[in-house]
Amino acid sequence: MSSTKNTESGSYEGFSAEERAAMKEHAAEQKAAARRGSQGDKAALAERDVLGKIAEMQDADRVKAERVHAVVTASAPQLAPKLWYGMPAYALDGKVVCFFQSAAKFKARYATLGFNDPAQLDEGAMWATGFALAEVTAEVEEQIAALIKRAVG
């Protein structure tokens, strides 16, 4: 996420409407997670929430998110699905390793598969942590599976 700045006046305009909405979603997710019962209940409800969020997406994003979800859960069953800022995400020991960001969420040109610090993708002095998803083909699914396996060690 990035904040907006008026380039003409140089003044800070705050977060975009999409960014504010994502932050509100995150706060609601945190409250819902705190209210849940046992670990088994939490996991089942979190999975349901992720699948529900995917189902709400526009057609192209929904298809990509469904494929990413299937590949992630098959490649790394130790990752727990959860919502993170209103996006499907996958966590290890409570820390988000990767997430799917729909193109529509931030009015972007493409969907993104992103990785956070816990992902073990380190490669030299610089490595990618975000990947544009124009479409999810069989070849892309293989690349995602390899990245996910590498990310969790």
C-alpha atoms as a PDB file:
ATOM      1  CA  MET A   1       0.000   0.000   0.000  1.00  0.00           C
ATOM      2  CA  SER A   2       1.131   3.525  -0.568  1.00  0.00           C
ATOM      3  CA  SER A   3      -0.148   6.872   0.532  1.00  0.00           C
ATOM      4  CA  THR A   4      -1.182   9.554  -1.895  1.00  0.00           C
ATOM      5  CA  LYS A   5       0.648  12.833  -2.294  1.00  0.00           C
ATOM      6  CA  ASN A   6      -0.425  15.873  -4.237  1.00  0.00           C
ATOM      7  CA  THR A   7       2.531  16.360  -6.578  1.00  0.00           C
ATOM      8  CA  GLU A   8       1.608  19.936  -7.408  1.00  0.00           C
ATOM      9  CA  SER A   9       1.469  21.244  -3.849  1.00  0.00           C
ATOM     10  CA  GLY A  10       3.695  18.562  -2.303  1.00  0.00           C
ATOM     11  CA  SER A  11       1.118  18.061   0.452  1.00  0.00           C
ATOM     12  CA  TYR A  12       0.286  14.702   1.957  1.00  0.00           C
ATOM     13  CA  GLU A  13      -3.279  13.641   1.182  1.00  0.00           C
ATOM     14  CA  GLY A  14      -3.380  10.470   3.295  1.00  0.00           C
ATOM     15  CA  PHE A  15      -4.362   6.976   2.294  1.00  0.00           C
ATOM     16  CA  SER A  16      -6.493   6.228  -0.748  1.00  0.00           C
ATOM     17  CA  ALA A  17     -10.064   5.031  -0.287  1.00  0.00           C
ATOM     18  CA  GLU A  18      -8.951   1.505  -1.255  1.00  0.00           C
ATOM     19  CA  GLU A  19      -6.158   1.561   1.330  1.00  0.00           C
ATOM     20  CA  ARG A  20      -8.506   2.805   4.070  1.00  0.00           C
ATOM     21  CA  ALA A  21     -10.999   0.057   3.164  1.00  0.00           C
ATOM     22  CA  ALA A  22      -8.244  -2.574   3.386  1.00  0.00           C
ATOM     23  CA  MET A  23      -7.218  -1.307   6.826  1.00  0.00           C
ATOM     24  CA  LYS A  24     -10.832  -1.452   8.030  1.00  0.00           C
ATOM     25  CA  GLU A  25     -11.116  -5.002   6.699  1.00  0.00           C
ATOM     26  CA  HIS A  26      -7.935  -5.947   8.560  1.00  0.00           C
ATOM     27  CA  ALA A  27      -9.301  -4.556  11.830  1.00  0.00           C
ATOM     28  CA  ALA A  28     -12.539  -6.517  11.360  1.00  0.00           C
ATOM     29  CA  GLU A  29     -10.537  -9.678  10.563  1.00  0.00           C
ATOM     30  CA  GLN A  30      -8.526  -9.268  13.775  1.00  0.00           C
ATOM     31  CA  LYS A  31     -11.697  -8.841  15.854  1.00  0.00           C
ATOM     32  CA  ALA A  32     -13.338 -11.888  14.246  1.00  0.00           C
ATOM     33  CA  ALA A  33     -10.230 -14.023  14.824  1.00  0.00           C
ATOM     34  CA  ALA A  34     -10.137 -13.004  18.494  1.00  0.00           C
ATOM     35  CA  ARG A  35     -13.781 -14.087  18.985  1.00  0.00           C
ATOM     36  CA  ARG A  36     -13.339 -17.567  17.525  1.00  0.00           C
ATOM     37  CA  GLY A  37     -13.275 -20.711  19.672  1.00  0.00           C
ATOM     38  CA  SER A  38     -10.906 -23.688  19.402  1.00  0.00           C
ATOM     39  CA  GLN A  39      -7.974 -23.969  16.986  1.00  0.00           C
ATOM     40  CA  GLY A  40      -9.980 -26.385  14.794  1.00  0.00           C
ATOM     41  CA  ASP A  41     -12.897 -23.974  14.666  1.00  0.00           C
ATOM     42  CA  LYS A  42     -10.569 -21.075  13.887  1.00  0.00           C
ATOM     43  CA  ALA A  43      -8.930 -22.947  11.011  1.00  0.00           C
ATOM     44  CA  ALA A  44     -12.240 -24.033   9.495  1.00  0.00           C
ATOM     45  CA  LEU A  45     -13.734 -20.549   9.811  1.00  0.00           C
ATOM     46  CA  ALA A  46     -10.612 -18.906   8.383  1.00  0.00           C
ATOM     47  CA  GLU A  47     -10.721 -21.251   5.368  1.00  0.00           C
ATOM     48  CA  ARG A  48     -14.414 -20.439   4.917  1.00  0.00           C
ATOM     49  CA  ASP A  49     -13.662 -16.711   5.097  1.00  0.00           C
ATOM     50  CA  VAL A  50     -10.933 -17.005   2.442  1.00  0.00           C
ATOM     51  CA  LEU A  51     -13.161 -19.004   0.102  1.00  0.00           C
ATOM     52  CA  GLY A  52     -15.971 -16.511   0.677  1.00  0.00           C
ATOM     53  CA  LYS A  53     -13.709 -13.567  -0.174  1.00  0.00           C
ATOM     54  CA  ILE A  54     -12.562 -15.361  -3.337  1.00  0.00           C
ATOM     55  CA  ALA A  55     -16.191 -16.023  -4.321  1.00  0.00           C
ATOM     56  CA  GLU A  56     -16.925 -12.265  -4.048  1.00  0.00           C
ATOM     57  CA  MET A  57     -14.213 -11.348  -6.576  1.00  0.00           C
ATOM     58  CA  GLN A  58     -14.882 -10.338 -10.162  1.00  0.00           C
ATOM     59  CA  ASP A  59     -14.662 -13.172 -12.706  1.00  0.00           C
ATOM     60  CA  ALA A  60     -11.032 -12.915 -13.856  1.00  0.00           C
ATOM     61  CA  ASP A  61      -9.684 -12.312 -10.339  1.00  0.00           C
ATOM     62  CA  ARG A  62     -11.876 -15.044  -8.878  1.00  0.00           C
ATOM     63  CA  VAL A  63     -10.594 -17.657 -11.335  1.00  0.00           C
ATOM     64  CA  LYS A  64      -6.969 -16.686 -10.608  1.00  0.00           C
ATOM     65  CA  ALA A  65      -7.547 -16.672  -6.843  1.00  0.00           C
ATOM     66  CA  GLU A  66      -9.223 -20.102  -6.961  1.00  0.00           C
ATOM     67  CA  ARG A  67      -6.253 -21.542  -8.851  1.00  0.00           C
ATOM     68  CA  VAL A  68      -3.718 -19.879  -6.532  1.00  0.00           C
ATOM     69  CA  HIS A  69      -5.633 -21.174  -3.493  1.00  0.00           C
ATOM     70  CA  ALA A  70      -5.632 -24.714  -4.889  1.00  0.00           C
ATOM     71  CA  VAL A  71      -1.920 -24.615  -5.708  1.00  0.00           C
ATOM     72  CA  VAL A  72      -0.907 -23.104  -2.363  1.00  0.00           C
ATOM     73  CA  THR A  73      -2.953 -25.533  -0.270  1.00  0.00           C
ATOM     74  CA  ALA A  74      -1.707 -28.527  -2.287  1.00  0.00           C
ATOM     75  CA  SER A  75       1.942 -27.398  -2.326  1.00  0.00           C
ATOM     76  CA  ALA A  76       2.203 -26.394   1.335  1.00  0.00           C
ATOM     77  CA  PRO A  77      -0.574 -27.877   3.477  1.00  0.00           C
ATOM     78  CA  GLN A  78       1.206 -26.490   6.557  1.00  0.00           C
ATOM     79  CA  LEU A  79       0.167 -22.977   5.492  1.00  0.00           C
ATOM     80  CA  ALA A  80      -3.072 -21.838   7.095  1.00  0.00           C
ATOM     81  CA  PRO A  81      -5.480 -19.831   4.911  1.00  0.00           C
ATOM     82  CA  LYS A  82      -6.585 -16.552   6.466  1.00  0.00           C
ATOM     83  CA  LEU A  83      -7.802 -13.131   5.436  1.00  0.00           C
ATOM     84  CA  TRP A  84      -5.200 -10.389   5.555  1.00  0.00           C
ATOM     85  CA  TYR A  85      -6.305  -6.825   4.767  1.00  0.00           C
ATOM     86  CA  GLY A  86      -9.285  -8.353   2.982  1.00  0.00           C
ATOM     87  CA  MET A  87      -7.104 -10.555   0.776  1.00  0.00           C
ATOM     88  CA  PRO A  88      -6.667 -14.329   0.736  1.00  0.00           C
ATOM     89  CA  ALA A  89      -3.410 -15.079   2.539  1.00  0.00           C
ATOM     90  CA  TYR A  90      -1.525 -18.104   3.797  1.00  0.00           C
ATOM     91  CA  ALA A  91       0.298 -18.120   7.136  1.00  0.00           C
ATOM     92  CA  LEU A  92       2.830 -20.256   8.945  1.00  0.00           C
ATOM     93  CA  ASP A  93       2.789 -20.029  12.743  1.00  0.00           C
ATOM     94  CA  GLY A  94       0.462 -17.023  12.470  1.00  0.00           C
ATOM     95  CA  LYS A  95       2.747 -15.034  10.149  1.00  0.00           C
ATOM     96  CA  VAL A  96       1.584 -14.348   6.587  1.00  0.00           C
ATOM     97  CA  VAL A  97       3.965 -15.956   4.100  1.00  0.00           C
ATOM     98  CA  CYS A  98       2.081 -15.145   0.900  1.00  0.00           C
ATOM     99  CA  PHE A  99      -1.107 -13.507  -0.305  1.00  0.00           C
ATOM    100  CA  PHE A 100      -3.242 -12.973  -3.385  1.00  0.00           C
ATOM    101  CA  GLN A 101      -4.200  -9.401  -4.257  1.00  0.00           C
ATOM    102  CA  SER A 102      -6.960  -9.037  -6.822  1.00  0.00           C
ATOM    103  CA  ALA A 103      -6.518  -6.443  -9.550  1.00  0.00           C
ATOM    104  CA  ALA A 104      -9.859  -4.867  -8.686  1.00  0.00           C
ATOM    105  CA  LYS A 105      -9.020  -4.359  -4.998  1.00  0.00           C
ATOM    106  CA  PHE A 106      -6.592  -1.508  -5.702  1.00  0.00           C
ATOM    107  CA  LYS A 107      -7.707  -0.781  -9.275  1.00  0.00           C
ATOM    108  CA  ALA A 108      -4.517  -2.326 -10.639  1.00  0.00           C
ATOM    109  CA  ARG A 109      -3.789  -3.651 -14.098  1.00  0.00           C
ATOM    110  CA  TYR A 110      -3.046  -7.172 -12.834  1.00  0.00           C
ATOM    111  CA  ALA A 111      -3.543  -9.448  -9.845  1.00  0.00           C
ATOM    112  CA  THR A 112      -0.522 -10.076  -7.631  1.00  0.00           C
ATOM    113  CA  LEU A 113       0.930 -13.031  -5.771  1.00  0.00           C
ATOM    114  CA  GLY A 114       2.939 -11.440  -2.983  1.00  0.00           C
ATOM    115  CA  PHE A 115       5.342 -12.758  -0.355  1.00  0.00           C
ATOM    116  CA  ASN A 116       6.166 -11.336   3.083  1.00  0.00           C
ATOM    117  CA  ASP A 117       9.301 -11.559   5.215  1.00  0.00           C
ATOM    118  CA  PRO A 118       8.733 -15.117   6.510  1.00  0.00           C
ATOM    119  CA  ALA A 119       8.978 -16.422   2.921  1.00  0.00           C
ATOM    120  CA  GLN A 120      12.376 -17.984   2.393  1.00  0.00           C
ATOM    121  CA  LEU A 121      12.900 -16.630  -1.109  1.00  0.00           C
ATOM    122  CA  ASP A 122      16.211 -14.899  -0.356  1.00  0.00           C
ATOM    123  CA  GLU A 123      18.545 -15.023  -3.325  1.00  0.00           C
ATOM    124  CA  GLY A 124      21.702 -12.952  -3.074  1.00  0.00           C
ATOM    125  CA  ALA A 125      21.376  -9.250  -2.342  1.00  0.00           C
ATOM    126  CA  MET A 126      18.020  -8.816  -4.169  1.00  0.00           C
ATOM    127  CA  TRP A 127      14.971 -10.994  -4.884  1.00  0.00           C
ATOM    128  CA  ALA A 128      11.375 -10.635  -5.979  1.00  0.00           C
ATOM    129  CA  THR A 129       8.570 -10.558  -3.404  1.00  0.00           C
ATOM    130  CA  GLY A 130       5.679  -9.827  -5.763  1.00  0.00           C
ATOM    131  CA  PHE A 131       4.596 -11.418  -9.011  1.00  0.00           C
ATOM    132  CA  ALA A 132       2.060 -10.060 -11.508  1.00  0.00           C
ATOM    133  CA  LEU A 133      -0.545 -12.634 -12.546  1.00  0.00           C
ATOM    134  CA  ALA A 134      -1.967 -11.883 -15.983  1.00  0.00           C
ATOM    135  CA  GLU A 135      -3.395 -15.402 -16.126  1.00  0.00           C
ATOM    136  CA  VAL A 136      -2.886 -18.683 -14.307  1.00  0.00           C
ATOM    137  CA  THR A 137      -1.863 -21.333 -16.814  1.00  0.00           C
ATOM    138  CA  ALA A 138      -0.503 -24.821 -16.070  1.00  0.00           C
ATOM    139  CA  GLU A 139       3.013 -23.403 -16.422  1.00  0.00           C
ATOM    140  CA  VAL A 140       2.232 -20.551 -14.015  1.00  0.00           C
ATOM    141  CA  GLU A 141       0.759 -23.053 -11.539  1.00  0.00           C
ATOM    142  CA  GLU A 142       4.061 -24.970 -11.619  1.00  0.00           C
ATOM    143  CA  GLN A 143       5.984 -21.742 -10.972  1.00  0.00           C
ATOM    144  CA  ILE A 144       3.667 -20.847  -8.080  1.00  0.00           C
ATOM    145  CA  ALA A 145       4.046 -24.325  -6.571  1.00  0.00           C
ATOM    146  CA  ALA A 146       7.851 -24.072  -6.755  1.00  0.00           C
ATOM    147  CA  LEU A 147       7.819 -20.598  -5.154  1.00  0.00           C
ATOM    148  CA  ILE A 148       5.500 -21.730  -2.360  1.00  0.00           C
ATOM    149  CA  LYS A 149       7.596 -24.810  -1.582  1.00  0.00           C
ATOM    150  CA  ARG A 150      10.736 -22.675  -1.510  1.00  0.00           C
ATOM    151  CA  ALA A 151       9.014 -20.002   0.600  1.00  0.00           C
ATOM    152  CA  VAL A 152       8.170 -22.453   3.394  1.00  0.00           C
ATOM    153  CA  GLY A 153      11.566 -24.185   3.251  1.00  0.00           C
END
